């Protein structure tokens, strides 16, 4: 049932004597969806995309950025690394805020931090305001504000889907909001080199990236009026009073299915992070250029976004969260293993590009479905808590994997094919095999041992909801119910339920 009336619109009786609504009509009035949900989803997508663009602004143009800021490339890398460093300590506070304070203050705070950070970065490169020695500290301060916004943005899709969307749209909404982040990373990898090559001015680059941040901050502040709709879209949203944060964590630590998902998918997230971060270093040893590595990274993200869209629509209709996750993990294991082989062979551009695409298509697309699965297996624990702990596990394991994989590299004294930067020629044969082995191990454990019931869906099939569903034919499962409310001087309101 879709309702466009503003909250608090008139109520009353049509006449002094009016028939009471039938039980079926009362059930239909229990759950409504509002068009406002699409606006909030749009704001979250734009915010997620903007935050990712700010994250990777400097990585594709590290040399030019270092020259303007007066620092080394290693110091420029910290402008990206601060996101990972801040994410771990701030995640617990973000989880508490989402489950305790709600979606609206979380998104507005994230939008303001994102906007203030982007503006501070612009101020940092204004020569007349900031001396050369102070440029890098000011820009780093802006990045810290943007990094503080990341957990607020990353953890929100699951909460938004649960509170505002009906069950047949939750996975798709989660997919759209979650995939906006890698889309922003892709845009940054393309836009930063283009602007620097065309204008050659870091000020213009940072100014361009600040515009979306300012716009989305205005949209969030003015447009998002409430954390939840006046009427819940589903039974689980109607009873969405989740467990307190610490109690929820204790419940999760006793949930075998959730812990398996936490370890296996957290390991997968770490593998994706390592793949994206180390791709150029792995390929340059065998003579593959930075441009080709960029193409492979873009294919990884694009195919992942396409796969996530298809998988999100599929699980929305089939409810096969576990099966979809297991199949995609198996196929992504094949892609990761193939990359470990072909990345160590020279002059195989087509094969390397194909396996990167396959790895992204089946691996990257798991993320939104796994987040929904974490909520299903841990209900009634808060959505932010169940999804957030998996993100934290992924961040921690990313740091561990990065150190381990780099420790396993061996310097190469003579590599005629290498196009790596001076001092950056290392053998990655063992690390990529270890990475593939870790991913395959996590997949095997998950496929063999992960079993769970969908607790949130089961809660929506309690007797009260079953009664509501039993009055409609299966063909109406995915129809839209439009709730029309009219006002006349003589009538307080009339109800007409139209099924389309």
Protein backbone atom coordinates (compact mmCIF):
# COMPACT_ATOMS: atom_id res chain seq x y z
CA UNK A 1 0.00 0.00 0.00
CA UNK A 2 1.59 3.29 -1.10
CA UNK A 3 0.64 6.48 0.72
CA UNK A 4 1.56 10.00 -0.33
CA UNK A 5 -0.20 11.92 2.42
CA UNK A 6 1.92 13.91 4.85
CA UNK A 7 2.07 12.61 8.40
CA UNK A 8 -0.63 14.06 10.61
CA UNK A 9 -3.20 14.70 7.87
CA UNK A 10 -6.84 14.88 8.91
CA UNK A 11 -8.85 12.06 10.41
CA UNK A 12 -12.45 11.68 11.36
CA UNK A 13 -15.64 10.02 10.26
CA UNK A 14 -17.48 10.38 7.02
CA UNK A 15 -20.77 10.62 8.84
CA UNK A 16 -21.86 10.51 12.41
CA UNK A 17 -22.55 6.82 11.96
CA UNK A 18 -20.03 4.84 9.95
CA UNK A 19 -19.42 1.15 9.57
CA UNK A 20 -16.32 -0.12 11.29
CA UNK A 21 -13.60 -1.30 8.86
CA UNK A 22 -13.53 -4.98 8.26
CA UNK A 23 -10.59 -7.01 9.65
CA UNK A 24 -9.21 -7.35 6.14
CA UNK A 25 -9.24 -3.58 5.63
CA UNK A 26 -7.61 -3.07 9.01
CA UNK A 27 -4.86 -5.50 8.03
CA UNK A 28 -4.32 -3.66 4.75
CA UNK A 29 -3.94 -0.38 6.66
CA UNK A 30 -1.22 -1.86 8.87
CA UNK A 31 1.53 -1.71 6.25
CA UNK A 32 2.10 1.16 3.84
CA UNK A 33 5.05 2.34 1.79
CA UNK A 34 5.79 5.97 1.06
CA UNK A 35 7.37 7.61 -1.95
CA UNK A 36 9.72 9.41 0.42
CA UNK A 37 11.69 6.15 0.64
CA UNK A 38 13.00 6.70 -2.90
CA UNK A 39 14.23 10.20 -2.02
CA UNK A 40 16.08 8.93 1.06
CA UNK A 41 17.57 6.11 -1.02
CA UNK A 42 18.73 8.67 -3.61
CA UNK A 43 20.34 10.81 -0.91
CA UNK A 44 22.13 7.79 0.57
CA UNK A 45 23.36 6.70 -2.88
CA UNK A 46 24.71 10.19 -3.63
CA UNK A 47 26.29 10.43 -0.18
CA UNK A 48 27.92 7.01 -0.51
CA UNK A 49 29.22 7.86 -3.98
CA UNK A 50 30.54 11.27 -2.87
CA UNK A 51 32.32 9.80 0.16
CA UNK A 52 34.07 7.18 -1.99
CA UNK A 53 35.13 9.87 -4.49
CA UNK A 54 36.66 11.91 -1.66
CA UNK A 55 38.40 8.78 -0.36
CA UNK A 56 40.27 8.06 -3.61
CA UNK A 57 40.73 11.62 -4.86
CA UNK A 58 44.52 11.57 -4.56
CA UNK A 59 45.41 7.92 -5.24
CA UNK A 60 45.33 8.11 -9.08
CA UNK A 61 47.35 11.37 -9.08
CA UNK A 62 49.69 10.74 -6.15
CA UNK A 63 52.79 12.23 -7.81
CA UNK A 64 51.09 15.51 -8.79
CA UNK A 65 49.37 15.77 -5.40
CA UNK A 66 52.65 15.27 -3.56
CA UNK A 67 54.31 18.01 -5.60
CA UNK A 68 51.56 20.54 -4.79
CA UNK A 69 51.31 19.59 -1.11
CA UNK A 70 55.09 19.39 -0.68
CA UNK A 71 55.17 15.80 0.60
CA UNK A 72 56.25 12.36 -0.61
CA UNK A 73 54.04 9.82 -2.34
CA UNK A 74 54.08 7.69 0.83
CA UNK A 75 52.59 10.61 2.77
CA UNK A 76 49.97 11.13 0.06
CA UNK A 77 48.94 7.50 0.56
CA UNK A 78 47.91 8.38 4.10
CA UNK A 79 45.15 10.56 2.66
CA UNK A 80 43.46 7.29 1.67
CA UNK A 81 44.67 5.11 4.54
CA UNK A 82 43.04 7.34 7.17
CA UNK A 83 39.67 5.93 6.06
CA UNK A 84 40.71 2.43 7.10
CA UNK A 85 42.39 3.63 10.29
CA UNK A 86 39.36 5.61 11.52
CA UNK A 87 36.76 3.06 10.42
CA UNK A 88 37.65 0.51 13.11
CA UNK A 89 37.35 2.74 16.23
CA UNK A 90 34.35 4.71 14.93
CA UNK A 91 32.33 1.70 13.82
CA UNK A 92 31.02 0.81 17.28
CA UNK A 93 29.79 4.37 17.85
CA UNK A 94 28.13 4.36 14.43
CA UNK A 95 26.34 1.08 15.12
CA UNK A 96 25.02 2.45 18.42
CA UNK A 97 23.90 5.70 16.77
CA UNK A 98 22.00 3.96 13.96
CA UNK A 99 20.17 1.56 16.25
CA UNK A 100 19.54 4.07 19.06
CA UNK A 101 19.12 7.47 17.38
CA UNK A 102 17.80 6.37 14.01
CA UNK A 103 18.51 6.95 10.35
CA UNK A 104 17.86 10.71 10.04
CA UNK A 105 20.47 12.05 12.51
CA UNK A 106 22.99 9.49 11.27
CA UNK A 107 22.64 10.49 7.62
CA UNK A 108 22.58 14.21 8.35
CA UNK A 109 25.70 13.97 10.53
CA UNK A 110 27.44 11.91 7.84
CA UNK A 111 26.47 14.44 5.16
CA UNK A 112 27.79 17.39 7.19
CA UNK A 113 31.08 15.68 8.03
CA UNK A 114 31.46 14.75 4.36
CA UNK A 115 30.73 18.31 3.23
CA UNK A 116 32.93 20.05 5.82
CA UNK A 117 35.82 17.72 5.01
CA UNK A 118 35.53 18.39 1.28
CA UNK A 119 35.45 22.16 1.82
CA UNK A 120 38.42 22.05 4.21
CA UNK A 121 40.44 20.23 1.54
CA UNK A 122 39.75 23.09 -0.88
CA UNK A 123 40.82 25.65 1.73
CA UNK A 124 44.04 23.69 2.25
CA UNK A 125 45.29 24.41 -1.28
CA UNK A 126 44.40 28.11 -1.33
CA UNK A 127 47.85 29.67 -1.52
CA UNK A 128 46.79 33.07 -0.20
CA UNK A 129 45.23 31.56 2.93
CA UNK A 130 47.48 28.62 3.77
CA UNK A 131 51.31 28.68 3.58
CA UNK A 132 52.99 25.80 1.70
CA UNK A 133 54.06 24.07 4.92
CA UNK A 134 50.47 23.99 6.17
CA UNK A 135 48.81 22.61 3.04
CA UNK A 136 49.20 18.92 3.78
CA UNK A 137 48.04 19.13 7.43
CA UNK A 138 44.91 21.08 6.43
CA UNK A 139 44.08 18.68 3.58
CA UNK A 140 44.70 15.73 5.92
CA UNK A 141 42.31 17.31 8.42
CA UNK A 142 39.67 17.45 5.70
CA UNK A 143 40.27 13.81 4.86
CA UNK A 144 39.87 12.90 8.54
CA UNK A 145 36.41 14.51 8.57
CA UNK A 146 35.44 12.66 5.40
CA UNK A 147 36.80 9.43 6.88
CA UNK A 148 34.70 9.97 10.02
CA UNK A 149 31.63 10.12 7.77
CA UNK A 150 32.37 6.79 6.08
CA UNK A 151 30.99 4.40 8.76
CA UNK A 152 27.85 6.54 9.05
CA UNK A 153 27.30 6.07 5.32
CA UNK A 154 28.48 2.47 4.88
CA UNK A 155 26.28 1.05 7.67
CA UNK A 156 23.06 2.83 6.62
CA UNK A 157 21.84 0.81 3.58
CA UNK A 158 20.70 -2.21 5.61
CA UNK A 159 18.89 0.02 8.11
CA UNK A 160 17.21 2.04 5.36
CA UNK A 161 16.05 -1.10 3.56
CA UNK A 162 14.63 -2.59 6.76
CA UNK A 163 12.79 0.52 7.98
CA UNK A 164 11.44 2.07 4.77
CA UNK A 165 11.10 -0.72 2.18
CA UNK A 166 8.73 -3.71 1.92
CA UNK A 167 10.26 -7.15 1.95
CA UNK A 168 10.11 -7.57 -1.85
CA UNK A 169 12.29 -4.44 -2.32
CA UNK A 170 14.76 -4.69 0.56
CA UNK A 171 17.61 -6.49 -1.22
CA UNK A 172 17.35 -4.18 -4.25
CA UNK A 173 17.41 -1.07 -2.05
CA UNK A 174 20.41 -2.41 -0.14
CA UNK A 175 22.14 -3.22 -3.42
CA UNK A 176 21.59 0.27 -4.87
CA UNK A 177 22.87 2.09 -1.79
CA UNK A 178 25.82 -0.26 -1.25
CA UNK A 179 27.02 -0.29 -4.87
CA UNK A 180 27.12 3.51 -4.97
CA UNK A 181 30.36 3.28 -2.98
CA UNK A 182 32.41 1.33 -5.55
CA UNK A 183 30.82 3.47 -8.27
CA UNK A 184 32.27 6.53 -6.53
CA UNK A 185 35.66 4.84 -6.38
CA UNK A 186 35.45 4.14 -10.12
CA UNK A 187 34.53 7.76 -10.87
CA UNK A 188 37.49 9.01 -8.81
CA UNK A 189 39.91 6.74 -10.67
CA UNK A 190 38.71 8.19 -13.98
CA UNK A 191 37.99 11.80 -13.03
CA UNK A 192 41.13 12.65 -11.03
CA UNK A 193 43.63 11.88 -13.85
CA UNK A 194 41.36 13.60 -16.39
CA UNK A 195 41.11 16.85 -14.42
CA UNK A 196 44.82 16.93 -13.60
CA UNK A 197 45.77 16.25 -17.22
CA UNK A 198 43.32 18.87 -18.54
CA UNK A 199 43.70 21.65 -15.95
CA UNK A 200 46.85 20.67 -14.04
CA UNK A 201 45.47 22.35 -10.93
CA UNK A 202 44.82 20.52 -7.64
CA UNK A 203 42.54 23.37 -6.49
CA UNK A 204 40.14 22.75 -9.38
CA UNK A 205 40.23 19.01 -8.70
CA UNK A 206 39.26 19.43 -5.05
CA UNK A 207 36.66 22.07 -5.91
CA UNK A 208 34.95 19.70 -8.35
CA UNK A 209 34.78 16.96 -5.72
CA UNK A 210 33.34 19.36 -3.13
CA UNK A 211 30.29 20.23 -5.25
CA UNK A 212 28.49 16.85 -4.89
CA UNK A 213 29.27 16.83 -1.16
CA UNK A 214 27.67 20.26 -0.67
CA UNK A 215 24.62 19.35 -2.77
CA UNK A 216 23.93 16.06 -0.98
CA UNK A 217 24.39 17.76 2.40
CA UNK A 218 21.66 20.26 1.50
CA UNK A 219 19.38 17.48 0.27
CA UNK A 220 19.86 15.44 3.45
CA UNK A 221 19.41 18.37 5.82
CA UNK A 222 16.31 19.80 4.15
CA UNK A 223 14.69 16.69 2.67
CA UNK A 224 14.99 13.93 5.29
CA UNK A 225 12.27 14.69 7.84
CA UNK A 226 12.07 11.47 9.87
CA UNK A 227 14.03 8.32 10.63
CA UNK A 228 11.09 6.03 9.93
CA UNK A 229 7.79 6.29 8.03
CA UNK A 230 4.53 6.95 9.94
CA UNK A 231 3.33 3.46 9.08
CA UNK A 232 5.71 0.48 8.80
CA UNK A 233 6.20 -1.23 5.41
CA UNK A 234 6.38 -4.75 6.86
CA UNK A 235 5.80 -6.79 9.99
CA UNK A 236 9.48 -6.79 10.94
CA UNK A 237 9.60 -2.99 10.62
CA UNK A 238 6.45 -2.75 12.76
CA UNK A 239 8.25 -4.59 15.54
CA UNK A 240 11.64 -3.02 14.87
CA UNK A 241 12.58 -2.31 18.48
CA UNK A 242 15.92 -4.07 18.30
CA UNK A 243 17.97 -5.38 21.18
CA UNK A 244 20.22 -2.87 23.04
CA UNK A 245 23.67 -2.63 21.48
CA UNK A 246 25.65 -4.65 24.03
CA UNK A 247 22.88 -7.22 24.38
CA UNK A 248 22.78 -7.50 20.59
CA UNK A 249 26.52 -8.10 20.44
CA UNK A 250 26.22 -10.85 23.06
CA UNK A 251 23.43 -12.50 21.06
CA UNK A 252 25.54 -12.36 17.90
CA UNK A 253 28.52 -13.94 19.63
CA UNK A 254 26.30 -16.90 20.56
CA UNK A 255 24.84 -17.20 17.05
CA UNK A 256 26.79 -19.93 15.21
CA UNK A 257 25.42 -19.08 11.77
CA UNK A 258 26.22 -15.40 12.18
CA UNK A 259 29.77 -16.10 13.36
CA UNK A 260 30.38 -18.28 10.30
CA UNK A 261 29.12 -15.48 8.06
CA UNK A 262 31.23 -12.95 9.97
CA UNK A 263 34.46 -14.91 9.50
CA UNK A 264 33.89 -16.17 5.95
CA UNK A 265 32.49 -13.01 4.41
CA UNK A 266 34.78 -10.77 6.48
CA UNK A 267 37.65 -12.74 4.96
CA UNK A 268 36.13 -12.19 1.53
CA UNK A 269 35.89 -8.43 2.10
CA UNK A 270 39.56 -8.43 3.09
CA UNK A 271 40.43 -10.32 -0.10
CA UNK A 272 38.57 -7.73 -2.21
CA UNK A 273 40.40 -4.89 -0.44
CA UNK A 274 43.79 -6.52 -1.01
CA UNK A 275 42.95 -7.25 -4.65
CA UNK A 276 41.98 -3.62 -5.32
CA UNK A 277 44.94 -2.16 -3.41
CA UNK A 278 47.66 -4.44 -4.78
CA UNK A 279 46.43 -4.99 -8.35
CA UNK A 280 48.86 -2.54 -9.97
CA UNK A 281 51.84 -3.89 -8.01
CA UNK A 282 50.97 -7.49 -8.93
CA UNK A 283 50.58 -6.81 -12.65
CA UNK A 284 53.49 -4.43 -13.23
CA UNK A 285 56.04 -7.19 -12.54
CA UNK A 286 54.92 -9.06 -15.67
CA UNK A 287 54.98 -5.98 -17.89
CA UNK A 288 51.35 -4.87 -17.59
CA UNK A 289 51.10 -1.07 -17.53
CA UNK A 290 49.33 1.11 -14.97
CA UNK A 291 46.69 1.95 -17.58
CA UNK A 292 45.91 -1.74 -18.07
CA UNK A 293 45.77 -2.25 -14.30
CA UNK A 294 43.30 0.63 -14.14
CA UNK A 295 41.16 -1.02 -16.82
CA UNK A 296 41.15 -4.29 -14.86
CA UNK A 297 40.15 -2.45 -11.69
CA UNK A 298 37.34 -0.69 -13.55
CA UNK A 299 36.09 -4.00 -14.99
CA UNK A 300 36.17 -5.50 -11.50
CA UNK A 301 33.93 -2.73 -10.14
CA UNK A 302 31.61 -2.44 -13.16
CA UNK A 303 30.96 -6.17 -13.41
CA UNK A 304 30.47 -6.29 -9.65
CA UNK A 305 27.84 -3.55 -9.82
CA UNK A 306 26.02 -5.34 -12.65
CA UNK A 307 26.17 -8.63 -10.77
CA UNK A 308 24.89 -6.98 -7.59
CA UNK A 309 21.93 -5.49 -9.46
CA UNK A 310 20.97 -8.84 -10.98
CA UNK A 311 21.49 -10.73 -7.72
CA UNK A 312 19.55 -8.15 -5.71
CA UNK A 313 16.50 -8.42 -7.97
CA UNK A 314 16.73 -12.21 -7.91
CA UNK A 315 16.81 -12.62 -4.13
CA UNK A 316 14.05 -10.03 -3.70
CA UNK A 317 11.76 -12.40 -5.56
CA UNK A 318 13.15 -15.81 -4.64
CA UNK A 319 14.21 -15.20 -0.98
CA UNK A 320 17.15 -17.57 -1.62
CA UNK A 321 19.76 -15.55 0.26
CA UNK A 322 21.85 -18.52 1.37
CA UNK A 323 21.81 -20.33 -1.98
CA UNK A 324 22.70 -17.16 -3.92
CA UNK A 325 25.58 -16.37 -1.56
CA UNK A 326 27.00 -19.90 -1.69
CA UNK A 327 26.84 -20.16 -5.49
CA UNK A 328 28.46 -16.76 -6.00
CA UNK A 329 31.20 -17.50 -3.49
CA UNK A 330 32.05 -20.71 -5.35
CA UNK A 331 32.16 -18.95 -8.72
CA UNK A 332 34.19 -16.06 -7.32
CA UNK A 333 36.67 -18.61 -5.91
CA UNK A 334 37.21 -19.84 -9.45
CA UNK A 335 37.79 -16.26 -10.59
CA UNK A 336 40.27 -15.56 -7.78
CA UNK A 337 42.15 -18.80 -8.47
CA UNK A 338 42.29 -18.03 -12.19
CA UNK A 339 43.67 -14.57 -11.43
CA UNK A 340 46.41 -16.11 -9.28
CA UNK A 341 47.49 -18.14 -12.32
CA UNK A 342 47.09 -15.68 -15.22
CA UNK A 343 48.51 -12.67 -13.35
CA UNK A 344 51.87 -14.47 -13.24
CA UNK A 345 51.96 -15.02 -17.02
CA UNK A 346 53.11 -12.29 -19.38
CA UNK A 347 51.27 -11.12 -22.52
CA UNK A 348 47.86 -12.42 -21.42
CA UNK A 349 45.90 -9.18 -21.30
CA UNK A 350 42.61 -10.66 -22.46
CA UNK A 351 42.76 -13.53 -19.98
CA UNK A 352 43.69 -11.24 -17.08
CA UNK A 353 40.90 -8.79 -17.94
CA UNK A 354 38.36 -11.63 -18.19
CA UNK A 355 39.26 -13.19 -14.84
CA UNK A 356 39.15 -9.76 -13.15
CA UNK A 357 35.68 -9.29 -14.61
CA UNK A 358 34.55 -12.73 -13.43
CA UNK A 359 35.96 -12.14 -9.96
CA UNK A 360 34.07 -8.85 -9.72
CA UNK A 361 30.86 -10.21 -11.24
CA UNK A 362 30.48 -13.05 -8.75
CA UNK A 363 32.55 -11.79 -5.82
CA UNK A 364 31.79 -8.10 -5.46
CA UNK A 365 28.08 -8.69 -6.02
CA UNK A 366 27.81 -10.80 -2.85
CA UNK A 367 28.13 -7.79 -0.55
CA UNK A 368 24.52 -6.46 -0.43
CA UNK A 369 23.02 -9.98 -0.29
CA UNK A 370 25.40 -10.98 2.52
CA UNK A 371 24.38 -7.88 4.47
CA UNK A 372 20.71 -8.85 4.13
CA UNK A 373 21.58 -12.43 5.11
CA UNK A 374 23.31 -11.15 8.25
CA UNK A 375 20.07 -9.46 9.30
CA UNK A 376 17.96 -12.53 8.49
CA UNK A 377 20.08 -14.89 10.58
CA UNK A 378 20.44 -12.50 13.55
CA UNK A 379 16.96 -10.93 13.86
CA UNK A 380 15.86 -9.21 16.15
CA UNK A 381 19.36 -7.80 16.67
CA UNK A 382 19.59 -4.33 15.13
CA UNK A 383 20.39 -4.13 11.43
CA UNK A 384 23.32 -1.77 11.98
CA UNK A 385 24.82 -4.08 14.61
CA UNK A 386 24.66 -7.26 12.53
CA UNK A 387 25.92 -5.63 9.32
CA UNK A 388 28.40 -3.34 11.08
CA UNK A 389 30.30 -6.09 12.88
CA UNK A 390 30.90 -7.84 9.55
CA UNK A 391 32.28 -4.59 8.13
CA UNK A 392 34.58 -4.22 11.16
CA UNK A 393 35.78 -7.81 10.73
CA UNK A 394 36.49 -7.08 7.07
CA UNK A 395 38.51 -3.97 7.94
CA UNK A 396 40.56 -5.76 10.61
CA UNK A 397 41.26 -8.73 8.34
CA UNK A 398 42.17 -6.32 5.52
CA UNK A 399 44.98 -4.88 7.63
CA UNK A 400 46.16 -8.38 8.59
CA UNK A 401 46.03 -9.68 5.02
CA UNK A 402 47.86 -6.63 3.65
CA UNK A 403 50.75 -7.13 6.07
CA UNK A 404 50.88 -10.89 5.48
CA UNK A 405 50.77 -10.67 1.68
CA UNK A 406 53.41 -7.95 1.50
CA UNK A 407 55.62 -9.92 3.89
CA UNK A 408 55.45 -12.91 1.52
CA UNK A 409 56.82 -10.96 -1.45
CA UNK A 410 60.42 -11.43 -2.58
CA UNK A 411 62.56 -8.70 -4.19
CA UNK A 412 63.56 -9.38 -7.79
CA UNK A 413 67.10 -8.34 -8.69
CA UNK A 414 66.54 -8.60 -12.44
CA UNK A 415 63.14 -8.46 -14.12
CA UNK A 416 63.37 -7.24 -17.74
CA UNK A 417 59.58 -7.28 -18.16
CA UNK A 418 58.86 -5.12 -15.11
CA UNK A 419 57.31 -1.70 -15.56
CA UNK A 420 57.12 -1.09 -11.81
CA UNK A 421 58.45 2.06 -10.20
CA UNK A 422 62.05 2.00 -9.06
CA UNK A 423 62.42 -0.19 -5.98
CA UNK A 424 58.95 -1.68 -6.44
CA UNK A 425 59.81 -4.91 -8.29
CA UNK A 426 58.75 -7.88 -6.16
CA UNK A 427 57.61 -11.40 -6.90
CA UNK A 428 53.90 -11.78 -6.09
CA UNK A 429 53.61 -15.45 -7.08
CA UNK A 430 53.32 -16.76 -3.50
CA UNK A 431 51.10 -13.93 -2.16
CA UNK A 432 48.46 -14.28 -4.90
CA UNK A 433 48.33 -18.05 -4.38
CA UNK A 434 47.90 -17.48 -0.63
CA UNK A 435 45.14 -14.94 -1.34
CA UNK A 436 43.32 -17.43 -3.58
CA UNK A 437 43.79 -20.15 -0.97
CA UNK A 438 42.31 -18.00 1.80
CA UNK A 439 39.29 -17.14 -0.35
CA UNK A 440 38.74 -20.78 -1.34
CA UNK A 441 39.08 -21.90 2.29
CA UNK A 442 36.47 -19.39 3.43
CA UNK A 443 34.17 -20.51 0.62
CA UNK A 444 34.48 -24.20 1.51
CA UNK A 445 33.77 -23.55 5.19
CA UNK A 446 30.76 -21.37 4.35
CA UNK A 447 29.26 -23.79 1.80
CA UNK A 448 29.66 -26.84 4.04
CA UNK A 449 28.70 -25.47 7.43
CA UNK A 450 26.49 -22.39 7.02
CA UNK A 451 22.80 -23.10 7.57
CA UNK A 452 20.22 -20.72 8.98
CA UNK A 453 16.53 -19.96 9.04
CA UNK A 454 15.37 -16.56 7.87
CA UNK A 455 14.24 -15.17 11.20
CA UNK A 456 13.06 -11.80 9.93
CA UNK A 457 10.96 -13.34 7.16
CA UNK A 458 9.55 -15.84 9.65
CA UNK A 459 8.57 -12.97 11.95
CA UNK A 460 6.67 -11.43 9.05
CA UNK A 461 4.71 -14.66 8.65
CA UNK A 462 3.29 -14.66 12.17
CA UNK A 463 -0.48 -15.32 12.43
CA UNK A 464 -1.43 -11.64 12.08
CA UNK A 465 0.53 -11.32 8.88
CA UNK A 466 -0.58 -14.68 7.54
CA UNK A 467 -4.15 -13.57 7.95
CA UNK A 468 -3.38 -10.49 5.89
CA UNK A 469 -1.68 -12.54 3.19
CA UNK A 470 -4.38 -15.19 3.10
CA UNK A 471 -6.99 -12.72 1.88
CA UNK A 472 -5.10 -12.13 -1.38
CA UNK A 473 -4.14 -14.36 -4.21
CA UNK A 474 -0.45 -15.07 -4.89
CA UNK A 475 -0.64 -12.85 -7.95
CA UNK A 476 -1.00 -9.86 -5.66
CA UNK A 477 2.18 -10.58 -3.72
CA UNK A 478 4.16 -7.92 -5.60
CA UNK A 479 1.35 -5.50 -6.48
CA UNK A 480 1.28 -1.93 -5.28
CA UNK A 481 -1.54 -0.82 -3.02
CA UNK A 482 -2.29 2.88 -3.43
CA UNK A 483 -3.99 4.51 -0.49
CA UNK A 484 -6.00 7.53 -1.68
CA UNK A 485 -7.19 10.10 0.85
CA UNK A 486 -9.45 13.00 -0.15
CA UNK A 487 -10.86 15.90 1.85
CA UNK A 488 -14.06 17.88 1.38
CA UNK A 489 -15.81 20.33 3.74
CA UNK A 490 -18.42 17.70 4.52
CA UNK A 491 -16.09 14.74 4.72
CA UNK A 492 -13.16 14.43 7.06
CA UNK A 493 -11.67 11.70 4.91
CA UNK A 494 -12.63 8.73 2.80
CA UNK A 495 -10.59 5.63 2.15
CA UNK A 496 -10.39 3.97 -1.24
CA UNK A 497 -7.94 1.14 -1.67
CA UNK A 498 -6.96 0.76 -5.30
CA UNK A 499 -5.00 -2.29 -6.43
CA UNK A 500 -2.88 -1.89 -9.52
